[in-house]
Protein backbone atom coordinates (compact mmCIF):
# COMPACT_ATOMS: atom_id res chain seq x y z
CA MET A 1 -5.29 85.30 205.84
CA ASN A 2 -7.21 87.73 203.69
CA ILE A 3 -4.34 89.86 202.43
CA ARG A 4 -2.68 86.08 200.95
CA LYS A 5 -5.96 85.63 199.19
CA LEU A 6 -5.83 89.12 198.12
CA VAL A 7 -2.68 88.79 196.64
CA CYS A 8 -3.48 85.55 195.02
CA VAL A 9 -6.00 87.54 193.30
CA LEU A 10 -4.29 90.21 192.22
CA SER A 11 -1.25 88.16 190.95
CA ALA A 12 -3.70 86.09 188.92
CA ALA A 13 -5.40 88.92 187.60
CA VAL A 14 -1.95 91.02 186.59
CA SER A 15 -0.72 87.84 185.11
CA THR A 16 -4.00 87.22 183.13
CA ALA A 17 -3.54 90.63 181.83
CA VAL A 18 -0.36 90.61 180.87
CA MET A 19 -1.03 87.66 178.81
CA ALA A 20 -4.00 89.23 177.41
CA GLY A 21 -1.93 92.17 176.62
CA TYR A 22 0.94 90.34 174.78
CA THR A 23 -1.71 88.08 173.02
CA THR A 24 -2.98 91.17 171.70
CA LEU A 25 0.21 92.84 170.72
CA THR A 26 1.16 89.56 168.81
CA ALA A 27 -2.14 89.84 167.03
CA PHE A 28 -1.59 93.32 165.90
CA ALA A 29 2.13 93.07 164.62
CA GLU A 30 0.36 89.89 162.95
CA GLU A 31 -1.76 92.41 161.46
CA ALA A 32 0.51 94.78 160.76
CA GLY A 33 2.15 92.78 157.61
CA ALA A 34 5.58 91.32 159.80
CA ALA A 35 8.57 90.42 157.52
CA SER A 36 9.17 87.02 156.64
CA ASP A 37 12.45 87.09 158.74
CA GLN A 38 10.74 88.24 161.94
CA ALA A 39 7.35 85.42 160.90
CA ALA A 40 10.01 82.97 162.03
CA GLN A 41 11.53 84.37 165.68
CA GLN A 42 8.30 84.90 166.24
CA PRO A 43 7.51 81.61 168.25
CA ALA A 44 10.72 81.90 170.17
CA ALA A 45 9.54 85.20 171.10
CA SER A 46 6.12 84.11 172.25
CA LEU A 47 7.77 81.56 173.93
CA GLY A 48 10.01 83.75 176.14
CA GLY A 49 7.05 85.85 176.63
CA MET A 50 4.93 82.95 178.30
CA PHE A 51 7.45 82.15 180.56
CA ILE A 52 8.32 85.73 182.39
CA PRO A 53 4.92 86.24 183.90
CA LEU A 54 5.53 82.14 184.74
CA ILE A 55 8.83 82.96 186.57
CA GLY A 56 6.85 86.06 188.25
CA MET A 57 4.47 84.20 189.76
CA PHE A 58 6.73 81.56 191.57
CA VAL A 59 8.36 84.29 192.73
CA ILE A 60 5.18 85.79 194.49
CA LEU A 61 4.17 82.18 195.20
CA TYR A 62 7.85 82.14 197.30
CA PHE A 63 7.20 85.02 199.07
CA ILE A 64 3.74 84.49 200.07
CA ALA A 65 3.26 80.97 200.59
CA ILE A 66 7.12 79.05 200.83
CA ARG A 67 9.22 81.39 202.58
CA PRO A 68 6.49 82.03 205.71
CA GLN A 69 6.08 78.20 206.27
CA LYS A 70 9.46 77.53 206.90
CA LYS A 71 9.72 80.31 208.81
CA ARG A 72 6.98 79.03 210.87
CA ASP A 73 8.77 75.67 210.39
CA ARG A 74 12.12 76.90 212.12
CA GLU A 75 10.07 78.42 215.28
CA LEU A 76 8.30 75.04 215.85
CA LYS A 77 11.68 73.26 215.73
CA GLU A 78 13.19 75.64 218.14
CA MET A 79 10.13 75.85 220.22
CA GLN A 80 10.69 72.33 220.74
CA GLU A 81 14.33 71.72 221.23
CA ASN A 82 14.12 74.46 224.17
CA LEU A 83 11.27 72.41 225.99
CA GLN A 84 12.38 73.13 230.06
CA VAL A 85 11.01 70.61 232.59
CA GLY A 86 7.97 72.86 234.35
CA ASP A 87 6.48 74.25 231.30
CA GLU A 88 2.68 73.78 230.28
CA VAL A 89 2.46 72.35 226.98
CA VAL A 90 -0.34 71.53 224.35
CA THR A 91 0.14 68.20 221.61
CA GLY A 92 -1.44 68.36 218.38
CA GLY A 93 -4.08 65.98 219.52
CA GLY A 94 -4.53 68.76 221.89
CA ILE A 95 -3.58 67.34 225.52
CA VAL A 96 -2.29 70.04 227.79
CA GLY A 97 0.00 68.57 230.44
CA ILE A 98 2.92 70.00 232.25
CA VAL A 99 6.52 68.86 231.27
CA VAL A 100 8.20 66.40 233.78
CA SER A 101 11.14 65.19 232.35
CA VAL A 102 12.59 66.14 228.79
CA GLY A 103 14.62 63.48 226.68
CA GLU A 104 16.72 63.52 223.74
CA ASP A 105 13.73 62.76 221.22
CA THR A 106 10.89 62.03 224.03
CA VAL A 107 9.02 64.41 226.76
CA VAL A 108 7.28 63.09 229.56
CA ILE A 109 4.15 65.07 230.91
CA GLU A 110 1.72 65.15 233.44
CA THR A 111 -1.84 65.34 232.38
CA GLY A 112 -5.21 65.66 234.78
CA GLY A 113 -5.52 65.98 238.63
CA ALA A 114 -5.02 62.78 239.05
CA LYS A 115 -1.02 63.04 237.79
CA HIS A 116 -0.94 60.64 235.38
CA LYS A 117 2.31 60.74 232.94
CA LEU A 118 2.36 60.29 229.19
CA ARG A 119 5.48 59.93 226.96
CA ILE A 120 5.43 61.51 223.71
CA LYS A 121 7.55 62.31 220.76
CA ASN A 122 9.22 66.05 220.75
CA TRP A 123 7.34 66.43 217.19
CA ALA A 124 3.71 65.98 218.56
CA ILE A 125 4.11 69.32 220.90
CA THR A 126 2.22 72.36 218.88
CA GLU A 127 2.18 74.90 221.61
CA ASN A 128 4.63 75.92 224.82
CA VAL A 129 2.01 77.48 226.69
CA THR A 130 4.21 78.70 229.50
CA ALA A 131 7.23 80.14 226.70
CA THR A 132 4.14 81.96 225.56
CA GLU A 133 3.44 83.79 228.84
CA ARG A 134 7.05 84.36 229.63
CA ILE A 135 7.06 86.55 226.03
CA LYS A 136 3.91 88.39 226.28
CA GLU A 137 5.27 89.33 230.45
CA ALA A 138 8.58 90.76 229.11
CA LYS A 139 6.66 92.63 226.57
CA ALA A 140 4.62 93.92 229.43
CA ALA A 141 7.35 94.51 231.46
CA GLY A 142 9.24 96.15 228.81
CA LYS A 143 6.21 98.56 228.47
CA SER A 144 5.67 99.41 232.29
CA SER A 145 9.03 98.72 233.48
CA SER A 146 8.14 101.31 236.50
CA SER A 147 5.02 99.28 237.71
CA SER A 148 6.06 96.47 240.79
CA SER A 149 6.24 93.20 240.50
CA SER A 150 2.74 92.87 241.99
CA ASP A 151 1.21 95.15 239.65
CA SER A 152 2.45 93.32 237.35
CA MET A 153 1.23 89.87 238.14
CA GLU A 154 -2.40 91.69 238.86
CA SER A 155 -2.28 92.69 234.58
CA ALA A 156 -0.88 88.89 234.02
CA ALA A 157 -4.65 88.05 235.50
CA LEU A 158 -2.37 85.89 238.27
CA VAL A 159 -3.83 85.72 241.17
CA ASP A 160 -1.87 84.75 245.24
CA ASP A 161 -4.60 83.31 247.10
CA ASP A 162 -2.06 83.83 250.32
CA ALA A 163 -1.76 87.62 249.68
CA GLU A 164 -5.69 88.42 249.36
CA GLU A 165 -5.88 86.47 253.13
CA LYS A 166 -3.13 88.90 254.10
CA LYS A 167 -4.95 91.93 252.49
CA SER A 168 -8.21 91.54 253.70
CA LYS A 169 -6.36 90.61 257.36
CA LYS A 170 -4.15 94.01 257.20
CA LYS A 171 -7.79 95.97 256.51
CA LYS A 172 -9.69 94.46 259.34
CA LYS A 173 -6.69 95.47 261.24
CA ASP A 174 -6.48 99.12 260.60
CA GLU A 175 -10.25 99.33 260.88
CA GLU A 176 -9.86 98.20 264.66
CA GLU A 177 -7.34 100.67 265.48
């Protein structure tokens, strides 16, 4: 976010400097006593010179603002189309739920401890928590492929209560022997 502000400020400074330099050059050319035929061509040249920095600003704006936004929109739409039953999702209004069924343009999610079901539109879903966790686990598995599955579960901060009970019973048994 700060990089965008910096680039915007720099691009504004560059365009101002270009325009100031152009104005200085045209003023110097007028003082030097340009020929009458050159004076007739001057307005056309200055008009073309003003559009070059403007075109440059639009190009910079495209690469800073428009293109990344289109990429985010494309990724969001892809995520909304690839919802699966069992995914934990967050809506634009902040409702967190688990997907129960997926329709063509609607999704039914289950929220809260009372298992309330809500039918919402696909476009209302802004985040798929389960898919994000899957991506993080895949990256972690790629980095440490030699670790066992129980190590990867512990590194993902997932706790299996049954496994802890089994470990404690096993330790007690070993101590008794």
